[in-house]
Amino acid sequence: MNSIYGELTKERIKEIIKEENITSIRLQFVDMNGNMKNLCTPSSQIDKILDNECTLDGSSIQGFRSIETSDMCFYPDLSTFAILPWRKNGDKNEARLICDVYNADGTPFEGCPRCNLKRVVKEASEMGYTLNVGPEVEFFLFKRDGDGTPTLEPIDDADYYDAGPNDEGEDVRAEMVEVLQSMGFDIEASHHEGAIGQQEIDFKYNDALTAADNVITLKYVICEIAKKHNLYATFMPKPLYGAAGNGMHTNLSLMKDGQNAFYDPQDKYGLSETAYQFIAGVLHHVKAITCVANPLVNSYKRLVPGYEAPVTIGVGETVNVQFAVPAGFVNNGLLLDITASVGFKENIPVFPSGLDVRAGAENVAEAYSYEEVKIDAIRTADELLDFAKSVNAGRYKRFVNDNGEVVLGGDIDMASVAVEDWPMIAGLANEAGLPLGFDGIFDGCGYAIKNW
């Protein structure tokens, strides 16, 4: 997100407050669960705000401080100053500043997600790298009943890329885009997603910190505009049985000296040695990343075959596996799916982004080889299926008869099938044109976790 007011200094912010008749300012931050929090202050307190003198009670924020050390301070990031268009009241406006949370002694709070991301980004910067991140945010729009209570009735029954009149969310989505653009977002696309009532809004990549701020802001705007239309927006990983869930593909590119550090035109896949090391680093830590990025039972109801959610650790040329290498004419970066199911009141965009940076950059520094994480080649979806067949030769016969015909039945108990067999079964089902639905195959996440 780029400020529509140019460079924002303390004096410039004070000028804007007068020019736009801003009467109140919201100091925003996120807690350890990814919930946006804020303190609303009159704009008359702007000097106090800009001098980092506004305080909060950390003992009242889950995961922050005890009552004995509860005094904490807001350190606003001036570049995040923006007017909130939907809060306009006559000629009066309201603005916001995204803040870091500091301890009373002037040190960054260890539990502030934004401070932690800044620390990791600094570590990468000291190695000469800048990480650009382009998230793709998915969400559902549900109707509210007569009392305003959210229901599980989607706004429509449209499908991927559908247009009106089937796509009944297009006008609401258009208003969301307009509001985001007025706040400085560079929106690249918006469209209906694959599930009924599911939407997606994509904005241009930016550095990791700005991208994380943008995700938090985008979720805020989406929820507010949805409420205005008597709708309920949710980023819950799997709100509907038998339908695709919400994920967040994260497009990553690593820059060094102004050049894409992932790109090597001489490589078969256009990838540099740094790119292979970065991939290896994330794969090496991907199980830990998965636990952080998927903290809910509902998260693991999404991570099942059949709905384009990742269920394997690997790399390939499609987004159904862990890493995807896009066509050269698209970009020379990497498309990464770290099984980050973004959940309403769940996921902290700055955490997965920070983990991506740390895991990838750490591996570039330590120079683990690509082979050391047991991934020895870029694999297409077909190659992954062949690999699964070769590794599971005995179990493969369970699903294919002597004539090589797929004999999968709709009554397969997936809970009894080893996780390593899932990609094989999904591939076989696809080959046979079987509409297998694996959703709801286990109640809870215990099986999924113990088999990672």
Protein backbone atom coordinates (compact mmCIF):
# COMPACT_ATOMS: atom_id res chain seq x y z
CA MET A 1 0.00 0.00 0.00
CA ASN A 2 1.41 3.38 -1.01
CA SER A 3 0.30 6.57 0.68
CA ILE A 4 -1.79 8.81 -1.56
CA TYR A 5 -0.21 11.76 0.28
CA GLY A 6 3.39 11.08 -0.67
CA GLU A 7 6.10 10.98 1.98
CA LEU A 8 4.56 11.09 5.43
CA THR A 9 6.44 13.05 8.06
CA LYS A 10 5.10 14.18 11.41
CA GLU A 11 4.46 17.67 10.06
CA ARG A 12 2.77 16.36 6.91
CA ILE A 13 0.43 14.17 8.97
CA LYS A 14 -0.55 17.19 11.07
CA GLU A 15 -1.29 19.12 7.87
CA ILE A 16 -3.49 16.32 6.52
CA ILE A 17 -5.42 16.16 9.80
CA LYS A 18 -6.34 19.84 9.36
CA GLU A 19 -6.98 19.62 5.61
CA GLU A 20 -9.25 16.59 5.86
CA ASN A 21 -10.90 17.54 9.17
CA ILE A 22 -9.79 14.30 10.85
CA THR A 23 -11.30 14.19 14.32
CA SER A 24 -10.11 10.80 15.57
CA ILE A 25 -7.23 8.41 14.96
CA ARG A 26 -7.18 4.65 15.49
CA LEU A 27 -3.88 3.15 16.65
CA GLN A 28 -3.99 -0.37 15.22
CA PHE A 29 -1.95 -3.46 16.08
CA VAL A 30 -2.42 -7.24 16.04
CA ASP A 31 -2.29 -9.62 18.96
CA MET A 32 -0.61 -13.02 18.89
CA ASN A 33 -3.77 -14.62 17.47
CA GLY A 34 -3.89 -12.28 14.49
CA ASN A 35 -6.82 -10.24 15.74
CA MET A 36 -6.68 -6.58 14.87
CA LYS A 37 -6.87 -4.42 17.99
CA ASN A 38 -7.00 -0.66 18.25
CA LEU A 39 -7.09 2.35 20.53
CA CYS A 40 -9.14 5.30 19.27
CA THR A 41 -7.89 8.74 20.29
CA PRO A 42 -9.02 12.29 19.43
CA SER A 43 -6.83 13.90 16.79
CA SER A 44 -6.00 16.59 19.36
CA GLN A 45 -3.63 13.98 20.85
CA ILE A 46 -1.56 13.82 17.66
CA ASP A 47 1.64 15.16 19.25
CA LYS A 48 1.44 12.54 21.97
CA ILE A 49 0.77 9.86 19.35
CA LEU A 50 3.69 10.85 17.14
CA ASP A 51 6.07 11.05 20.11
CA ASN A 52 5.29 7.44 21.08
CA GLU A 53 3.64 8.50 24.32
CA CYS A 54 0.33 6.64 23.96
CA THR A 55 0.20 3.58 26.19
CA LEU A 56 -1.80 0.39 26.47
CA ASP A 57 -2.49 -2.16 29.18
CA GLY A 58 -0.64 -5.26 27.97
CA SER A 59 -2.16 -7.48 30.66
CA SER A 60 -5.54 -7.19 28.96
CA ILE A 61 -4.22 -8.51 25.63
CA GLN A 62 -4.00 -12.29 25.36
CA GLY A 63 -0.37 -13.43 25.23
CA PHE A 64 1.13 -10.02 26.01
CA ARG A 65 2.08 -9.04 29.57
CA SER A 66 1.27 -9.84 33.18
CA ILE A 67 -0.37 -7.24 35.40
CA GLU A 68 3.00 -6.51 37.00
CA THR A 69 4.59 -5.47 33.69
CA SER A 70 1.49 -4.31 31.84
CA ASP A 71 2.63 -0.84 30.76
CA MET A 72 3.37 -0.82 27.03
CA CYS A 73 3.65 1.84 24.34
CA PHE A 74 2.42 2.43 20.78
CA TYR A 75 5.13 3.21 18.23
CA PRO A 76 3.20 4.26 15.09
CA ASP A 77 4.61 3.66 11.61
CA LEU A 78 4.05 7.02 9.89
CA SER A 79 3.95 5.42 6.43
CA THR A 80 0.73 3.57 7.37
CA PHE A 81 -1.32 6.73 8.02
CA ALA A 82 -4.57 6.48 6.05
CA ILE A 83 -8.11 7.80 6.13
CA LEU A 84 -10.85 5.20 6.68
CA PRO A 85 -13.40 6.10 3.94
CA TRP A 86 -16.35 4.17 5.40
CA ARG A 87 -16.00 6.06 8.72
CA LYS A 88 -16.72 9.44 7.13
CA ASN A 89 -19.44 11.36 8.99
CA GLY A 90 -20.52 14.50 7.18
CA ASP A 91 -17.37 16.57 6.75
CA LYS A 92 -15.55 14.72 9.52
CA ASN A 93 -13.04 11.97 8.85
CA GLU A 94 -11.28 9.26 10.81
CA ALA A 95 -7.76 7.93 10.19
CA ARG A 96 -5.56 5.09 11.35
CA LEU A 97 -1.89 4.35 12.06
CA ILE A 98 -0.50 0.82 12.30
CA CYS A 99 1.74 0.52 15.33
CA ASP A 100 4.52 -1.59 16.78
CA VAL A 101 4.13 -2.46 20.44
CA TYR A 102 7.08 -1.57 22.67
CA ASN A 103 7.94 -2.26 26.29
CA ALA A 104 7.96 0.60 28.77
CA ASP A 105 11.77 0.69 28.62
CA GLY A 106 11.70 1.55 24.92
CA THR A 107 12.61 -1.91 23.59
CA PRO A 108 10.47 -3.81 21.04
CA PHE A 109 8.01 -6.19 22.70
CA GLU A 110 9.06 -9.78 22.03
CA GLY A 111 5.45 -10.85 21.49
CA CYS A 112 4.60 -8.18 18.91
CA PRO A 113 4.22 -9.99 15.55
CA ARG A 114 5.11 -6.87 13.60
CA CYS A 115 8.28 -6.27 15.62
CA ASN A 116 9.31 -9.88 15.04
CA LEU A 117 8.80 -9.61 11.31
CA LYS A 118 10.85 -6.40 11.21
CA ARG A 119 13.64 -8.18 13.07
CA VAL A 120 13.67 -11.08 10.59
CA VAL A 121 13.51 -8.71 7.60
CA LYS A 122 16.50 -6.85 9.04
CA GLU A 123 18.45 -10.11 9.31
CA ALA A 124 17.74 -10.83 5.63
CA SER A 125 18.68 -7.25 4.73
CA GLU A 126 22.04 -7.66 6.46
CA MET A 127 22.64 -10.58 4.08
CA GLY A 128 21.83 -8.26 1.19
CA TYR A 129 18.33 -9.56 0.47
CA THR A 130 14.90 -7.98 0.19
CA LEU A 131 11.86 -10.27 0.09
CA ASN A 132 8.84 -9.22 -1.94
CA VAL A 133 5.55 -10.87 -1.05
CA GLY A 134 2.29 -11.01 -2.99
CA PRO A 135 -0.52 -12.71 -1.02
CA GLU A 136 -3.76 -13.89 -2.63
CA VAL A 137 -6.52 -13.55 -0.03
CA GLU A 138 -9.64 -15.72 -0.18
CA PHE A 139 -12.81 -15.26 1.85
CA PHE A 140 -16.48 -16.20 1.97
CA LEU A 141 -19.50 -13.90 2.02
CA PHE A 142 -22.46 -15.22 4.02
CA LYS A 143 -25.88 -13.67 4.51
CA ARG A 144 -27.15 -12.36 7.85
CA ASP A 145 -30.61 -13.06 9.20
CA GLY A 146 -33.21 -10.47 10.15
CA ASP A 147 -31.47 -9.82 13.46
CA GLY A 148 -28.10 -9.29 11.79
CA THR A 149 -26.75 -12.63 13.01
CA PRO A 150 -24.41 -14.37 10.52
CA THR A 151 -25.78 -17.50 8.83
CA LEU A 152 -24.11 -20.23 6.77
CA GLU A 153 -26.09 -19.28 3.68
CA PRO A 154 -23.61 -18.10 1.01
CA ILE A 155 -24.36 -14.94 -0.93
CA ASP A 156 -24.60 -17.01 -4.15
CA ASP A 157 -24.04 -20.42 -5.69
CA ALA A 158 -21.60 -19.18 -8.34
CA ASP A 159 -18.37 -20.86 -9.43
CA TYR A 160 -14.82 -19.88 -10.30
CA TYR A 161 -14.58 -16.70 -12.42
CA ASP A 162 -18.37 -16.52 -12.79
CA ALA A 163 -19.93 -13.20 -13.77
CA GLY A 164 -23.24 -11.63 -12.90
CA PRO A 165 -26.01 -12.39 -12.39
CA ASN A 166 -24.65 -15.67 -10.98
CA ASP A 167 -21.92 -13.84 -9.10
CA GLU A 168 -24.04 -11.87 -6.64
CA GLY A 169 -21.00 -10.63 -4.78
CA GLU A 170 -19.50 -8.64 -7.63
CA ASP A 171 -20.93 -5.27 -6.55
CA VAL A 172 -19.84 -5.76 -2.94
CA ARG A 173 -16.40 -6.87 -4.10
CA ALA A 174 -16.18 -3.84 -6.41
CA GLU A 175 -16.88 -1.52 -3.47
CA MET A 176 -14.20 -3.26 -1.42
CA VAL A 177 -11.73 -2.68 -4.25
CA GLU A 178 -12.69 1.00 -4.53
CA VAL A 179 -12.18 1.54 -0.80
CA LEU A 180 -8.83 -0.25 -0.85
CA GLN A 181 -7.68 1.80 -3.83
CA SER A 182 -8.65 5.02 -2.07
CA MET A 183 -6.38 3.92 0.79
CA GLY A 184 -3.42 3.45 -1.55
CA PHE A 185 -3.70 -0.23 -2.52
CA ASP A 186 -2.59 -1.28 -6.00
CA ILE A 187 -5.30 -3.87 -6.70
CA GLU A 188 -4.43 -6.30 -9.49
CA ALA A 189 -7.57 -8.43 -9.66
CA SER A 190 -10.74 -9.57 -7.93
CA HIS A 191 -13.00 -12.46 -8.85
CA HIS A 192 -15.33 -15.16 -7.64
CA GLU A 193 -13.48 -18.18 -6.32
CA GLY A 194 -14.26 -21.88 -6.77
CA ALA A 195 -16.66 -22.43 -3.86
CA ILE A 196 -20.15 -21.01 -3.53
CA GLY A 197 -20.01 -17.56 -1.97
CA GLN A 198 -16.19 -17.52 -2.11
CA GLN A 199 -14.28 -14.44 -3.25
CA GLU A 200 -10.67 -13.39 -3.89
CA ILE A 201 -8.95 -10.00 -4.02
CA ASP A 202 -5.31 -9.74 -5.12
CA PHE A 203 -3.05 -6.73 -4.66
CA LYS A 204 0.42 -5.99 -6.00
CA TYR A 205 3.40 -7.49 -4.22
CA ASN A 206 5.44 -5.41 -1.81
CA ASP A 207 8.15 -5.86 0.76
CA ALA A 208 7.29 -8.41 3.46
CA LEU A 209 6.35 -5.88 6.15
CA THR A 210 4.14 -3.79 3.89
CA ALA A 211 2.50 -6.93 2.49
CA ALA A 212 1.69 -8.11 6.02
CA ASP A 213 0.22 -4.70 6.88
CA ASN A 214 -1.79 -4.87 3.68
CA VAL A 215 -3.29 -8.26 4.54
CA ILE A 216 -4.40 -6.99 7.95
CA THR A 217 -5.87 -3.85 6.37
CA LEU A 218 -7.57 -5.80 3.58
CA LYS A 219 -9.26 -8.14 6.06
CA TYR A 220 -10.43 -5.10 8.05
CA VAL A 221 -11.89 -3.41 4.96
CA ILE A 222 -13.54 -6.60 3.67
CA CYS A 223 -15.31 -7.23 6.97
CA GLU A 224 -16.48 -3.62 7.28
CA ILE A 225 -17.85 -3.35 3.73
CA ALA A 226 -19.53 -6.76 4.00
CA LYS A 227 -21.27 -5.65 7.20
CA LYS A 228 -22.48 -2.50 5.42
CA HIS A 229 -24.30 -4.78 2.94
CA ASN A 230 -25.76 -6.96 5.71
CA LEU A 231 -23.26 -9.70 4.89
CA TYR A 232 -20.67 -11.53 6.95
CA ALA A 233 -17.14 -12.02 5.62
CA THR A 234 -15.06 -14.86 6.99
CA PHE A 235 -11.51 -16.05 6.33
CA MET A 236 -12.16 -19.30 8.21
CA PRO A 237 -10.19 -22.15 6.58
CA LYS A 238 -13.13 -24.50 5.95
CA PRO A 239 -16.54 -22.98 6.70
CA LEU A 240 -18.52 -25.32 4.40
CA TYR A 241 -18.50 -29.10 4.13
CA GLY A 242 -17.99 -30.38 0.59
CA ALA A 243 -16.60 -27.11 -0.74
CA ALA A 244 -13.13 -25.64 -1.18
CA GLY A 245 -11.74 -23.75 1.78
CA ASN A 246 -9.91 -20.45 2.18
CA GLY A 247 -6.17 -20.44 1.54
CA MET A 248 -3.58 -17.77 0.93
CA HIS A 249 -1.14 -18.46 -1.88
CA THR A 250 1.94 -16.37 -1.26
CA ASN A 251 4.03 -15.24 -4.22
CA LEU A 252 7.64 -14.70 -3.20
CA SER A 253 10.59 -13.09 -4.94
CA LEU A 254 13.99 -12.42 -3.40
CA MET A 255 15.90 -9.36 -4.57
CA LYS A 256 19.61 -8.61 -4.28
CA ASP A 257 21.30 -5.54 -5.75
CA GLY A 258 18.08 -4.76 -7.59
CA GLN A 259 18.01 -8.14 -9.33
CA ASN A 260 15.84 -11.20 -8.82
CA ALA A 261 18.02 -13.54 -6.77
CA PHE A 262 15.79 -16.50 -7.69
CA TYR A 263 16.41 -16.21 -11.42
CA ASP A 264 19.05 -17.94 -13.52
CA PRO A 265 18.32 -18.08 -17.27
CA GLN A 266 20.85 -20.91 -17.70
CA ASP A 267 18.96 -23.27 -15.39
CA LYS A 268 16.42 -25.71 -16.83
CA TYR A 269 13.69 -24.17 -14.68
CA GLY A 270 15.07 -20.66 -14.63
CA LEU A 271 16.05 -21.01 -10.97
CA SER A 272 19.29 -19.90 -9.36
CA GLU A 273 21.29 -21.77 -6.75
CA THR A 274 19.94 -19.27 -4.22
CA ALA A 275 16.39 -20.21 -5.24
CA TYR A 276 17.09 -23.90 -4.72
CA GLN A 277 18.63 -23.17 -1.31
CA PHE A 278 15.67 -20.98 -0.36
CA ILE A 279 13.23 -23.74 -1.33
CA ALA A 280 15.26 -26.25 0.65
CA GLY A 281 15.16 -23.99 3.71
CA VAL A 282 11.40 -23.64 3.69
CA LEU A 283 10.92 -27.35 3.03
CA HIS A 284 13.31 -28.12 5.88
CA HIS A 285 11.13 -26.09 8.26
CA VAL A 286 7.75 -26.60 6.59
CA LYS A 287 6.27 -28.81 9.31
CA ALA A 288 6.90 -26.13 11.93
CA ILE A 289 5.55 -23.46 9.58
CA THR A 290 2.45 -25.58 9.03
CA CYS A 291 1.77 -25.78 12.76
CA VAL A 292 2.04 -22.00 13.16
CA ALA A 293 0.09 -21.17 10.00
CA ASN A 294 -2.67 -23.71 10.74
CA PRO A 295 -3.56 -23.35 14.43
CA LEU A 296 -7.20 -24.46 14.35
CA VAL A 297 -8.90 -27.83 14.17
CA ASN A 298 -10.78 -26.33 11.23
CA SER A 299 -7.45 -25.71 9.47
CA TYR A 300 -6.93 -29.45 9.10
CA LYS A 301 -10.40 -29.98 7.70
CA ARG A 302 -9.14 -27.91 4.77
CA LEU A 303 -5.88 -29.78 4.28
CA VAL A 304 -7.38 -32.78 2.51
CA PRO A 305 -7.20 -33.95 -1.12
CA GLY A 306 -9.77 -32.96 -3.70
CA TYR A 307 -10.05 -29.22 -3.07
CA GLU A 308 -6.71 -27.85 -4.28
CA ALA A 309 -5.39 -27.59 -0.72
CA PRO A 310 -1.80 -28.79 -0.23
CA VAL A 311 -1.44 -32.23 1.33
CA THR A 312 2.13 -33.10 0.33
CA ILE A 313 5.56 -31.68 0.97
CA GLY A 314 7.23 -31.21 -2.39
CA VAL A 315 7.90 -28.94 -5.32
CA GLY A 316 6.44 -28.87 -8.78
CA GLU A 317 5.01 -26.90 -11.66
CA THR A 318 1.47 -26.69 -10.31
CA VAL A 319 -0.02 -25.07 -7.23
CA ASN A 320 -1.35 -28.38 -5.90
CA VAL A 321 2.03 -29.13 -4.39
CA GLN A 322 4.16 -27.23 -1.95
CA PHE A 323 6.14 -25.04 -4.34
CA ALA A 324 5.13 -24.04 -7.84
CA VAL A 325 7.38 -22.54 -10.49
CA PRO A 326 5.28 -20.29 -12.74
CA ALA A 327 5.81 -19.94 -16.46
CA GLY A 328 8.62 -17.57 -17.37
CA PHE A 329 6.29 -15.10 -19.07
CA VAL A 330 4.33 -14.72 -15.81
CA ASN A 331 7.26 -13.76 -13.61
CA ASN A 332 10.65 -14.99 -12.61
CA GLY A 333 9.76 -15.41 -8.96
CA LEU A 334 8.34 -18.37 -7.14
CA LEU A 335 4.80 -19.18 -6.19
CA LEU A 336 4.76 -20.72 -2.75
CA ASP A 337 1.90 -22.50 -1.01
CA ILE A 338 3.01 -23.12 2.56
CA THR A 339 -0.33 -24.64 3.54
CA ALA A 340 -1.20 -21.28 5.06
CA SER A 341 -4.93 -21.49 5.59
CA VAL A 342 -5.87 -18.00 6.60
CA GLY A 343 -8.54 -18.17 9.26
CA PHE A 344 -10.87 -15.54 10.63
CA LYS A 345 -9.47 -14.44 14.01
CA GLU A 346 -6.80 -17.03 13.36
CA ASN A 347 -3.81 -16.38 11.22
CA ILE A 348 -1.24 -13.65 11.63
CA PRO A 349 0.05 -12.73 8.18
CA VAL A 350 3.26 -11.36 9.70
CA PHE A 351 4.02 -14.75 11.27
CA PRO A 352 3.95 -16.93 8.14
CA SER A 353 5.74 -14.18 6.19
CA GLY A 354 8.41 -13.95 8.87
CA LEU A 355 8.79 -17.71 8.93
CA ASP A 356 9.13 -17.79 5.14
CA VAL A 357 11.88 -15.18 5.27
CA ARG A 358 13.70 -16.80 8.16
CA ALA A 359 13.47 -20.35 6.85
CA GLY A 360 14.54 -19.42 3.35
CA ALA A 361 17.23 -16.91 4.28
CA GLU A 362 18.64 -19.18 6.98
CA ASN A 363 19.11 -21.88 4.40
CA VAL A 364 20.82 -19.51 1.98
CA ALA A 365 23.20 -18.60 4.80
CA GLU A 366 23.86 -22.17 5.88
CA ALA A 367 23.81 -23.38 2.27
CA TYR A 368 22.05 -26.68 2.83
CA SER A 369 21.80 -28.36 -0.53
CA TYR A 370 18.51 -28.93 -2.26
CA GLU A 371 19.19 -32.67 -2.04
CA GLU A 372 19.64 -32.56 1.73
CA VAL A 373 15.90 -32.09 2.17
CA LYS A 374 15.36 -35.14 -0.04
CA ILE A 375 13.88 -33.22 -2.95
CA ASP A 376 16.11 -34.01 -5.91
CA ALA A 377 14.14 -32.58 -8.81
CA ILE A 378 11.34 -30.25 -9.76
CA ARG A 379 8.36 -32.59 -10.18
CA THR A 380 5.21 -32.10 -12.16
CA ALA A 381 1.93 -33.40 -10.78
CA ASP A 382 2.28 -36.51 -12.99
CA GLU A 383 5.81 -37.09 -11.75
CA LEU A 384 4.65 -36.83 -8.15
CA LEU A 385 1.98 -39.42 -8.88
CA ASP A 386 4.58 -41.74 -10.45
CA PHE A 387 6.82 -41.16 -7.44
CA ALA A 388 3.96 -42.04 -5.07
CA LYS A 389 3.29 -45.21 -7.07
CA SER A 390 6.93 -46.30 -6.92
CA VAL A 391 7.29 -45.60 -3.20
CA ASN A 392 4.00 -47.28 -2.36
CA ALA A 393 4.12 -50.11 -4.90
CA GLY A 394 2.44 -52.62 -2.58
CA ARG A 395 -0.36 -50.32 -1.47
CA TYR A 396 -0.82 -49.10 -5.02
CA LYS A 397 -2.32 -52.47 -5.92
CA ARG A 398 -5.01 -51.84 -3.33
CA PHE A 399 -6.51 -49.24 -5.65
CA VAL A 400 -5.72 -50.66 -9.10
CA ASN A 401 -6.63 -54.14 -10.43
CA ASP A 402 -4.37 -56.47 -12.42
CA ASN A 403 -5.55 -54.88 -15.66
CA GLY A 404 -4.34 -51.48 -14.50
CA GLU A 405 -7.88 -50.18 -14.07
CA VAL A 406 -8.65 -47.78 -11.25
CA VAL A 407 -11.01 -49.46 -8.80
CA LEU A 408 -11.46 -46.68 -6.28
CA GLY A 409 -14.85 -46.75 -4.65
CA GLY A 410 -16.81 -43.92 -3.17
CA ASP A 411 -16.84 -45.65 0.20
CA ILE A 412 -13.07 -45.57 0.79
CA ASP A 413 -12.33 -44.78 4.43
CA MET A 414 -9.65 -42.14 3.98
CA ALA A 415 -8.97 -42.10 7.71
CA SER A 416 -7.47 -45.58 7.29
CA VAL A 417 -5.27 -44.54 4.37
CA ALA A 418 -1.70 -43.42 5.02
CA VAL A 419 -1.07 -39.74 4.36
CA GLU A 420 1.65 -40.60 1.86
CA ASP A 421 -1.01 -42.36 -0.23
CA TRP A 422 -3.25 -39.30 -0.50
CA PRO A 423 -1.58 -37.74 -3.58
CA MET A 424 -1.61 -41.13 -5.29
CA ILE A 425 -5.31 -41.65 -4.60
CA ALA A 426 -6.15 -38.11 -5.65
CA GLY A 427 -4.20 -38.59 -8.87
CA LEU A 428 -5.86 -41.92 -9.60
CA ALA A 429 -9.28 -40.46 -8.91
CA ASN A 430 -8.52 -37.64 -11.30
CA GLU A 431 -7.35 -40.08 -13.98
CA ALA A 432 -10.54 -42.10 -13.60
CA GLY A 433 -12.76 -39.02 -13.51
CA LEU A 434 -14.14 -40.01 -10.11
CA PRO A 435 -15.73 -37.17 -8.11
CA LEU A 436 -14.23 -38.25 -4.80
CA GLY A 437 -14.97 -35.92 -1.92
CA PHE A 438 -12.54 -36.29 0.93
CA ASP A 439 -13.90 -33.48 3.09
CA GLY A 440 -15.04 -34.29 6.60
CA ILE A 441 -13.17 -37.60 6.64
CA PHE A 442 -11.99 -37.07 10.17
CA ASP A 443 -13.48 -35.13 13.02
CA GLY A 444 -10.66 -33.04 14.40
CA CYS A 445 -7.02 -32.69 13.51
CA GLY A 446 -5.37 -35.44 15.57
CA TYR A 447 -4.92 -37.83 12.66
CA ALA A 448 -3.62 -35.15 10.35
CA ILE A 449 -1.10 -33.87 12.87
CA LYS A 450 0.32 -37.22 13.92
CA ASN A 451 0.85 -38.21 10.29
CA TRP A 452 2.73 -35.12 9.15
